[in-house]
Amino acid sequence: MVAVIRVGAGQHRGSDRGYRLALWIWKYGGKEKLYRRLDRVLRRPSINIVAVVDEMVRRARQRGRTDLEAMVLGQVQQRMRAGFSVSESLRDIADPVERMLLQGGEQAVGGGEEGRRTGFQRVFALLVRRLDANRRMRRAVLGAWAHLITYLVMILVSLVAFSDYVIPKLEVLYPTSHWHGVARSMLVASRIVQSDGFIVGVVTLGVLAGMLPFVEPYWTGRLRRLLDRIPPLSFYRLQQGGAWLASIPALTENGRIKAYDALVETERLSKPWMRERLRAIRVGMVSGMGMGRAMQLSRYQFPDRVIVEEISMYESQGLDIESVLREVADEWAETGYERVVQQAGTVLSAARIVFALVVLWYTLGTVALQIQIPNYFMSLVHMG
């Protein structure tokens, strides 16, 4: 009996790991597909969420029970049939803000099945817009990082190739004791690149860069606040700040909660980096400031200095903060993307200049050696 129980528990753990892996993979494209489909079909009065999920599961299982969509939505289907609410059934798929919006749809004014359907229709339309904006911003950030890494690899490869293949051959032709000027600096750089310390440094930087996506949500403090203003590390602030900015109007749209309450709730659900910034805004609002002024005095430039100044300006004119945030968030869906592209362009221009300077440096050093080597051999001939 004990053996049977242990085997069953092991199978359960294996099944759970498989589900978690399927969920992690599926969410990158499947969640948006699900939300878009629910947004479309709920516009028809005769269709409800359970029927849509049942149909999606049926179609997915026709492709095989190991299909990712079949595994993930099958779990959602089981919860719905067991009587769980929509927000609870989608708890593995939805992030905390999305669950809050779904809970709001469940409590839609009007009551009854029709009231909930209308509430969910509005919620899924909001979720689709939010995912669209997040996806566009994420692509801009990933594209910027990809281009930057490409240039950094090109610079590194050029340094290693010249140090390992070109410099050693030149050393055979011309004694390094005679190298001077640009050629001498090239030799020193070659020795550094060939050293164990350089390899350790590159590997360490590579590991830190790989860990950055996992560290960023938890890294707080004064140093992080300063680095958040410098591209490319500022990309995270723009991306996460834009997502938060879009979530506030979505939460306040039904009129049941105000901007401050949405701020408090998103702070509670956030990870340390976001929580640190939202707490600073909340403290300012508790002391009697408006949200825009509290954002300014928090010194985090969150979500972005331009946005903070715009919110503060509109608020100072007596406009309702909920309507201000809604307009600013809609505009930021476009301008935030442009802001990332602009900062990425600046970083890439700097990387191109560094790469061009490295090539120019080696070119000048090689030309200098080509001038010095004949003179050296001529002197040897005269001496002989």
Protein backbone atom coordinates (compact mmCIF):
# COMPACT_ATOMS: atom_id res chain seq x y z
CA MET A 1 0.00 0.00 0.00
CA VAL A 2 2.80 2.40 0.93
CA ALA A 3 4.54 1.67 -2.35
CA VAL A 4 1.35 2.39 -4.27
CA ILE A 5 0.88 5.69 -2.47
CA ARG A 6 4.47 6.70 -3.17
CA VAL A 7 4.16 5.86 -6.85
CA GLY A 8 0.91 7.80 -7.09
CA ALA A 9 2.44 10.81 -5.38
CA GLY A 10 5.44 10.65 -7.74
CA GLN A 11 3.12 10.52 -10.74
CA HIS A 12 1.18 13.47 -9.38
CA ARG A 13 4.35 15.51 -8.93
CA GLY A 14 5.51 14.59 -12.43
CA SER A 15 2.12 15.54 -13.86
CA ASP A 16 2.22 18.85 -11.98
CA ARG A 17 5.71 19.64 -13.32
CA GLY A 18 4.53 18.84 -16.84
CA TYR A 19 1.52 21.12 -16.42
CA ARG A 20 3.68 23.96 -15.07
CA LEU A 21 6.07 23.65 -18.00
CA ALA A 22 3.20 23.57 -20.49
CA LEU A 23 1.65 26.60 -18.80
CA TRP A 24 4.93 28.55 -18.91
CA ILE A 25 5.37 27.87 -22.64
CA TRP A 26 1.73 28.36 -23.60
CA LYS A 27 1.25 31.69 -21.82
CA TYR A 28 3.56 33.59 -24.18
CA GLY A 29 1.13 33.30 -27.08
CA GLY A 30 -1.82 31.26 -25.91
CA LYS A 31 -3.09 33.67 -23.27
CA GLU A 32 -3.52 36.48 -25.75
CA LYS A 33 -5.26 34.11 -28.16
CA LEU A 34 -7.67 33.05 -25.39
CA TYR A 35 -8.44 36.62 -24.35
CA ARG A 36 -8.98 37.73 -27.95
CA ARG A 37 -11.37 34.85 -28.62
CA LEU A 38 -13.33 35.56 -25.44
CA ASP A 39 -13.45 39.26 -26.33
CA ARG A 40 -14.95 38.45 -29.72
CA VAL A 41 -17.48 35.78 -28.79
CA LEU A 42 -18.81 37.49 -25.67
CA ARG A 43 -20.18 40.24 -27.90
CA ARG A 44 -22.88 37.73 -28.87
CA PRO A 45 -25.64 37.51 -26.26
CA SER A 46 -26.16 33.74 -26.54
CA ILE A 47 -22.55 32.69 -25.76
CA ASN A 48 -20.88 32.32 -22.36
CA ILE A 49 -17.30 31.73 -21.23
CA VAL A 50 -17.79 28.08 -20.26
CA ALA A 51 -19.06 27.18 -23.73
CA VAL A 52 -16.07 28.92 -25.35
CA VAL A 53 -13.56 27.12 -23.13
CA ASP A 54 -15.27 23.77 -23.76
CA GLU A 55 -15.01 24.30 -27.51
CA MET A 56 -11.35 25.36 -27.34
CA VAL A 57 -10.49 22.29 -25.23
CA ARG A 58 -12.35 19.99 -27.64
CA ARG A 59 -10.47 21.38 -30.63
CA ALA A 60 -7.14 21.29 -28.81
CA ARG A 61 -7.61 17.64 -27.80
CA GLN A 62 -8.20 16.71 -31.41
CA ARG A 63 -4.54 17.62 -31.91
CA GLY A 64 -3.59 15.27 -29.05
CA ARG A 65 -3.90 15.23 -25.26
CA THR A 66 -0.27 16.35 -24.96
CA ASP A 67 -1.08 19.55 -26.85
CA LEU A 68 -0.11 22.54 -24.66
CA GLU A 69 -3.47 24.26 -25.08
CA ALA A 70 -5.32 21.06 -24.24
CA MET A 71 -3.29 20.64 -21.04
CA VAL A 72 -3.69 24.24 -19.85
CA LEU A 73 -7.30 24.87 -20.83
CA GLY A 74 -8.27 21.39 -19.67
CA GLN A 75 -7.38 22.51 -16.14
CA VAL A 76 -9.46 25.68 -16.60
CA GLN A 77 -12.37 23.59 -17.86
CA GLN A 78 -12.23 21.28 -14.83
CA ARG A 79 -12.37 24.23 -12.43
CA MET A 80 -15.29 25.85 -14.25
CA ARG A 81 -17.25 22.56 -14.22
CA ALA A 82 -16.49 22.22 -10.49
CA GLY A 83 -18.26 25.57 -9.90
CA PHE A 84 -15.26 27.87 -9.48
CA SER A 85 -15.58 31.50 -10.56
CA VAL A 86 -13.94 32.68 -13.79
CA SER A 87 -11.19 34.57 -11.97
CA GLU A 88 -10.42 31.49 -9.87
CA SER A 89 -10.54 29.15 -12.86
CA LEU A 90 -8.04 31.35 -14.71
CA ARG A 91 -5.77 31.88 -11.69
CA ASP A 92 -2.82 30.05 -13.27
CA ILE A 93 -3.10 32.02 -16.50
CA ALA A 94 -3.94 35.54 -15.31
CA ASP A 95 -1.48 37.83 -13.53
CA PRO A 96 -2.64 39.59 -10.31
CA VAL A 97 -3.98 42.69 -12.08
CA GLU A 98 -5.85 40.57 -14.62
CA ARG A 99 -7.45 38.60 -11.79
CA MET A 100 -8.56 41.85 -10.18
CA LEU A 101 -10.17 42.90 -13.46
CA LEU A 102 -11.89 39.52 -13.82
CA GLN A 103 -13.22 39.79 -10.27
CA GLY A 104 -14.61 43.18 -11.22
CA GLY A 105 -16.36 41.60 -14.20
CA GLU A 106 -17.92 39.01 -11.92
CA GLN A 107 -19.34 41.82 -9.79
CA ALA A 108 -20.61 43.80 -12.77
CA VAL A 109 -23.48 46.15 -12.16
CA GLY A 110 -26.77 44.72 -13.37
CA GLY A 111 -26.43 41.29 -11.84
CA GLY A 112 -27.53 38.02 -13.33
CA GLU A 113 -25.98 36.09 -16.18
CA GLU A 114 -26.42 38.97 -18.65
CA GLY A 115 -24.77 41.44 -16.29
CA ARG A 116 -21.77 39.15 -15.79
CA ARG A 117 -21.50 38.53 -19.54
CA THR A 118 -21.48 42.26 -20.23
CA GLY A 119 -18.95 42.81 -17.46
CA PHE A 120 -16.66 40.10 -18.82
CA GLN A 121 -17.01 41.48 -22.33
CA ARG A 122 -15.69 44.85 -21.12
CA VAL A 123 -12.94 43.19 -19.07
CA PHE A 124 -11.60 41.04 -21.90
CA ALA A 125 -11.61 44.04 -24.23
CA LEU A 126 -9.44 45.83 -21.64
CA LEU A 127 -7.18 42.80 -21.27
CA VAL A 128 -6.63 42.57 -25.02
CA ARG A 129 -5.65 46.25 -25.22
CA ARG A 130 -3.34 45.81 -22.24
CA LEU A 131 -1.66 42.75 -23.75
CA ASP A 132 -1.27 44.52 -27.10
CA ALA A 133 0.55 47.43 -25.46
CA ASN A 134 2.69 45.12 -23.32
CA ARG A 135 3.61 42.94 -26.28
CA ARG A 136 4.67 45.90 -28.40
CA MET A 137 6.77 47.33 -25.57
CA ARG A 138 8.31 43.92 -24.85
CA ARG A 139 9.29 43.47 -28.49
CA ALA A 140 10.90 46.91 -28.53
CA VAL A 141 12.90 46.11 -25.38
CA LEU A 142 13.97 42.66 -26.59
CA GLY A 143 14.93 44.07 -29.98
CA ALA A 144 17.01 46.79 -28.36
CA TRP A 145 18.84 44.31 -26.15
CA ALA A 146 19.40 41.93 -29.10
CA HIS A 147 21.02 44.66 -31.21
CA LEU A 148 23.16 45.85 -28.31
CA ILE A 149 24.37 42.32 -27.52
CA THR A 150 25.18 41.79 -31.20
CA TYR A 151 27.45 44.84 -31.25
CA LEU A 152 29.10 43.88 -27.97
CA VAL A 153 29.83 40.39 -29.36
CA MET A 154 31.27 41.96 -32.53
CA ILE A 155 33.57 44.16 -30.45
CA LEU A 156 34.65 41.20 -28.32
CA VAL A 157 35.27 38.95 -31.34
CA SER A 158 37.35 41.63 -33.06
CA LEU A 159 39.49 42.07 -29.94
CA VAL A 160 40.03 38.33 -29.49
CA ALA A 161 40.68 37.66 -33.19
CA PHE A 162 43.28 40.42 -33.47
CA SER A 163 44.94 39.47 -30.18
CA ASP A 164 45.09 35.73 -30.90
CA TYR A 165 45.91 35.69 -34.63
CA VAL A 166 47.26 39.02 -35.88
CA ILE A 167 49.45 40.25 -33.04
CA PRO A 168 51.39 36.93 -32.59
CA LYS A 169 52.36 36.93 -36.29
CA LEU A 170 53.52 40.53 -36.11
CA GLU A 171 55.55 39.71 -33.01
CA VAL A 172 57.49 37.11 -35.03
CA LEU A 173 58.37 39.69 -37.66
CA TYR A 174 59.17 42.60 -35.39
CA PRO A 175 60.48 42.48 -31.78
CA THR A 176 57.96 43.97 -29.37
CA SER A 177 60.72 45.95 -27.65
CA HIS A 178 60.67 48.27 -30.67
CA TRP A 179 56.90 48.80 -30.71
CA HIS A 180 55.79 52.27 -29.71
CA GLY A 181 52.84 54.66 -30.02
CA VAL A 182 49.57 53.16 -31.26
CA ALA A 183 51.28 49.83 -31.94
CA ARG A 184 52.44 49.64 -28.32
CA SER A 185 48.92 50.28 -27.00
CA MET A 186 47.66 47.54 -29.32
CA LEU A 187 50.22 45.13 -27.87
CA VAL A 188 49.21 45.98 -24.29
CA ALA A 189 45.53 45.43 -25.18
CA SER A 190 46.45 42.07 -26.72
CA ARG A 191 48.18 40.97 -23.52
CA ILE A 192 45.12 41.94 -21.50
CA VAL A 193 42.74 40.08 -23.81
CA GLN A 194 44.90 36.95 -23.64
CA SER A 195 45.08 37.01 -19.84
CA ASP A 196 43.04 34.77 -17.54
CA GLY A 197 41.62 37.84 -15.82
CA PHE A 198 40.00 39.02 -19.07
CA ILE A 199 38.36 35.61 -19.59
CA VAL A 200 37.09 35.61 -16.01
CA GLY A 201 35.77 39.15 -16.45
CA VAL A 202 33.91 38.33 -19.69
CA VAL A 203 32.40 35.16 -18.21
CA THR A 204 31.34 37.07 -15.08
CA LEU A 205 29.69 39.81 -17.14
CA GLY A 206 27.95 37.17 -19.25
CA VAL A 207 26.59 35.42 -16.15
CA LEU A 208 25.42 38.73 -14.67
CA ALA A 209 23.73 39.66 -17.94
CA GLY A 210 21.99 36.27 -18.01
CA MET A 211 20.81 36.73 -14.43
CA LEU A 212 19.57 40.29 -15.04
CA PRO A 213 16.00 39.38 -16.13
CA PHE A 214 15.59 37.33 -12.94
CA VAL A 215 17.20 39.94 -10.67
CA GLU A 216 15.53 43.10 -11.99
CA PRO A 217 12.13 42.57 -10.28
CA TYR A 218 13.85 42.24 -6.88
CA TRP A 219 16.83 44.62 -7.09
CA THR A 220 16.11 47.81 -5.13
CA GLY A 221 18.05 50.61 -3.44
CA ARG A 222 19.88 53.80 -4.32
CA LEU A 223 22.22 52.26 -6.91
CA ARG A 224 19.30 50.71 -8.76
CA ARG A 225 17.47 54.05 -8.74
CA LEU A 226 20.46 55.69 -10.45
CA LEU A 227 20.93 52.89 -12.98
CA ASP A 228 17.23 52.99 -13.88
CA ARG A 229 17.90 56.34 -15.56
CA ILE A 230 20.65 55.02 -17.83
CA PRO A 231 19.95 52.99 -20.99
CA PRO A 232 19.83 50.05 -21.47
CA LEU A 233 18.90 49.37 -17.80
CA SER A 234 16.20 52.03 -18.10
CA PHE A 235 14.32 49.77 -20.53
CA TYR A 236 12.94 47.76 -17.61
CA ARG A 237 11.57 50.89 -15.94
CA LEU A 238 9.86 51.97 -19.16
CA GLN A 239 8.41 48.52 -19.79
CA GLN A 240 7.14 47.85 -16.27
CA GLY A 241 6.08 51.44 -15.73
CA GLY A 242 4.01 51.35 -18.88
CA ALA A 243 2.32 48.11 -17.81
CA TRP A 244 1.49 49.58 -14.41
CA LEU A 245 0.25 52.82 -15.95
CA ALA A 246 -2.14 50.86 -18.18
CA SER A 247 -3.43 48.81 -15.25
CA ILE A 248 -4.62 51.78 -13.16
CA PRO A 249 -7.22 53.13 -15.64
CA ALA A 250 -8.36 49.54 -16.30
CA LEU A 251 -9.00 49.03 -12.58
CA THR A 252 -10.74 52.38 -12.10
CA GLU A 253 -12.85 52.31 -15.27
CA ASN A 254 -15.93 50.79 -13.63
CA GLY A 255 -15.94 53.59 -11.04
CA ARG A 256 -15.97 51.29 -8.00
CA ILE A 257 -12.39 52.09 -6.94
CA LYS A 258 -10.32 55.26 -7.16
CA ALA A 259 -6.76 55.75 -8.38
CA TYR A 260 -5.37 55.69 -4.83
CA ASP A 261 -7.09 52.38 -4.06
CA ALA A 262 -5.78 50.90 -7.31
CA LEU A 263 -2.30 52.13 -6.38
CA VAL A 264 -2.52 50.47 -2.97
CA GLU A 265 -3.75 47.21 -4.44
CA THR A 266 -1.11 47.04 -7.18
CA GLU A 267 1.56 47.87 -4.58
CA ARG A 268 0.38 44.94 -2.48
CA LEU A 269 0.58 42.57 -5.46
CA SER A 270 3.90 43.83 -6.81
CA LYS A 271 7.44 42.52 -6.50
CA PRO A 272 10.07 44.50 -4.53
CA TRP A 273 11.31 46.77 -7.35
CA MET A 274 7.81 47.91 -8.28
CA ARG A 275 6.66 47.98 -4.67
CA GLU A 276 9.47 50.36 -3.72
CA ARG A 277 8.34 52.90 -6.32
CA LEU A 278 4.63 52.56 -5.64
CA ARG A 279 5.20 52.88 -1.90
CA ALA A 280 7.02 56.19 -2.43
CA ILE A 281 4.04 57.49 -4.44
CA ARG A 282 1.55 56.26 -1.86
CA VAL A 283 3.45 57.93 1.00
CA GLY A 284 3.28 61.24 -0.84
CA MET A 285 -0.45 60.86 -1.46
CA VAL A 286 -1.06 59.96 2.19
CA SER A 287 0.62 63.24 3.19
CA GLY A 288 -1.92 65.15 1.10
CA MET A 289 -0.27 65.43 -2.34
CA GLY A 290 -1.89 64.60 -5.63
CA MET A 291 -0.60 61.57 -7.50
CA GLY A 292 1.38 63.63 -10.01
CA ARG A 293 3.11 65.65 -7.30
CA ALA A 294 3.79 62.49 -5.30
CA MET A 295 5.38 60.93 -8.39
CA GLN A 296 7.64 63.96 -8.80
CA LEU A 297 8.84 63.99 -5.20
CA SER A 298 9.42 60.23 -5.11
CA ARG A 299 12.62 60.85 -7.15
CA TYR A 300 12.25 57.56 -9.02
CA GLN A 301 11.11 59.13 -12.33
CA PHE A 302 8.55 56.35 -12.47
CA PRO A 303 7.10 55.45 -14.92
CA ASP A 304 9.04 58.16 -16.82
CA ARG A 305 9.98 61.78 -16.21
CA VAL A 306 7.90 63.02 -19.18
CA ILE A 307 4.83 61.11 -18.00
CA VAL A 308 5.23 62.32 -14.42
CA GLU A 309 5.43 65.95 -15.55
CA GLU A 310 2.38 65.51 -17.78
CA ILE A 311 0.28 63.93 -15.02
CA SER A 312 1.36 66.64 -12.57
CA MET A 313 0.50 69.41 -15.03
CA TYR A 314 -2.99 68.08 -15.78
CA GLU A 315 -3.67 67.44 -12.11
CA SER A 316 -2.63 70.98 -11.19
CA GLN A 317 -5.34 72.24 -13.56
CA GLY A 318 -7.98 70.49 -11.43
CA LEU A 319 -8.64 67.60 -13.78
CA ASP A 320 -9.85 64.29 -12.36
CA ILE A 321 -6.86 61.99 -11.82
CA GLU A 322 -8.73 58.91 -13.07
CA SER A 323 -9.49 60.56 -16.43
CA VAL A 324 -5.96 61.98 -16.61
CA LEU A 325 -4.41 58.55 -16.08
CA ARG A 326 -6.72 57.02 -18.68
CA GLU A 327 -5.69 59.56 -21.33
CA VAL A 328 -2.00 59.41 -20.45
CA ALA A 329 -2.02 55.57 -20.46
CA ASP A 330 -3.64 55.48 -23.91
CA GLU A 331 -1.03 57.90 -25.21
CA TRP A 332 1.82 56.02 -23.52
CA ALA A 333 0.94 52.88 -25.47
CA GLU A 334 2.49 54.71 -28.44
CA THR A 335 4.95 57.17 -26.90
CA GLY A 336 6.40 54.56 -24.51
CA TYR A 337 7.34 52.41 -27.47
CA GLU A 338 8.92 55.42 -29.17
CA ARG A 339 10.81 56.25 -25.97
CA VAL A 340 12.38 52.77 -25.88
CA VAL A 341 13.26 53.01 -29.57
CA GLN A 342 14.82 56.44 -29.01
CA GLN A 343 16.93 55.28 -26.07
CA ALA A 344 17.88 52.09 -27.90
CA GLY A 345 19.02 54.18 -30.86
CA THR A 346 21.28 56.21 -28.57
CA VAL A 347 22.82 53.09 -27.03
CA LEU A 348 23.32 51.44 -30.42
CA SER A 349 24.94 54.59 -31.82
CA ALA A 350 27.40 54.51 -28.92
CA ALA A 351 28.09 50.80 -29.56
CA ARG A 352 28.68 51.49 -33.27
CA ILE A 353 31.11 54.28 -32.42
CA VAL A 354 33.03 52.01 -30.02
CA PHE A 355 33.22 49.28 -32.66
CA ALA A 356 34.40 51.76 -35.29
CA LEU A 357 37.05 53.12 -32.90
CA VAL A 358 38.33 49.60 -32.17
CA VAL A 359 38.65 48.88 -35.91
CA LEU A 360 40.31 52.26 -36.49
CA TRP A 361 42.68 51.64 -33.58
CA TYR A 362 43.84 48.30 -34.96
CA THR A 363 44.09 49.72 -38.46
CA LEU A 364 46.31 52.62 -37.34
CA GLY A 365 48.43 50.25 -35.24
CA THR A 366 48.90 47.88 -38.18
CA VAL A 367 49.81 50.74 -40.52
CA ALA A 368 52.32 52.04 -37.99
CA LEU A 369 53.95 48.60 -37.79
CA GLN A 370 54.04 48.34 -41.59
CA ILE A 371 56.04 51.57 -41.58
CA GLN A 372 58.31 50.54 -38.71
CA ILE A 373 59.11 46.97 -39.88
CA PRO A 374 60.91 47.95 -43.16
CA ASN A 375 62.92 50.57 -41.29
CA TYR A 376 63.90 47.92 -38.73
CA PHE A 377 65.14 45.49 -41.37
CA MET A 378 66.96 48.26 -43.22
CA SER A 379 68.79 49.11 -40.00
CA LEU A 380 69.77 45.45 -39.59
CA VAL A 381 71.17 45.39 -43.15
CA HIS A 382 73.22 48.52 -42.51
CA MET A 383 74.49 47.07 -39.23
CA GLY A 384 75.49 43.86 -40.96
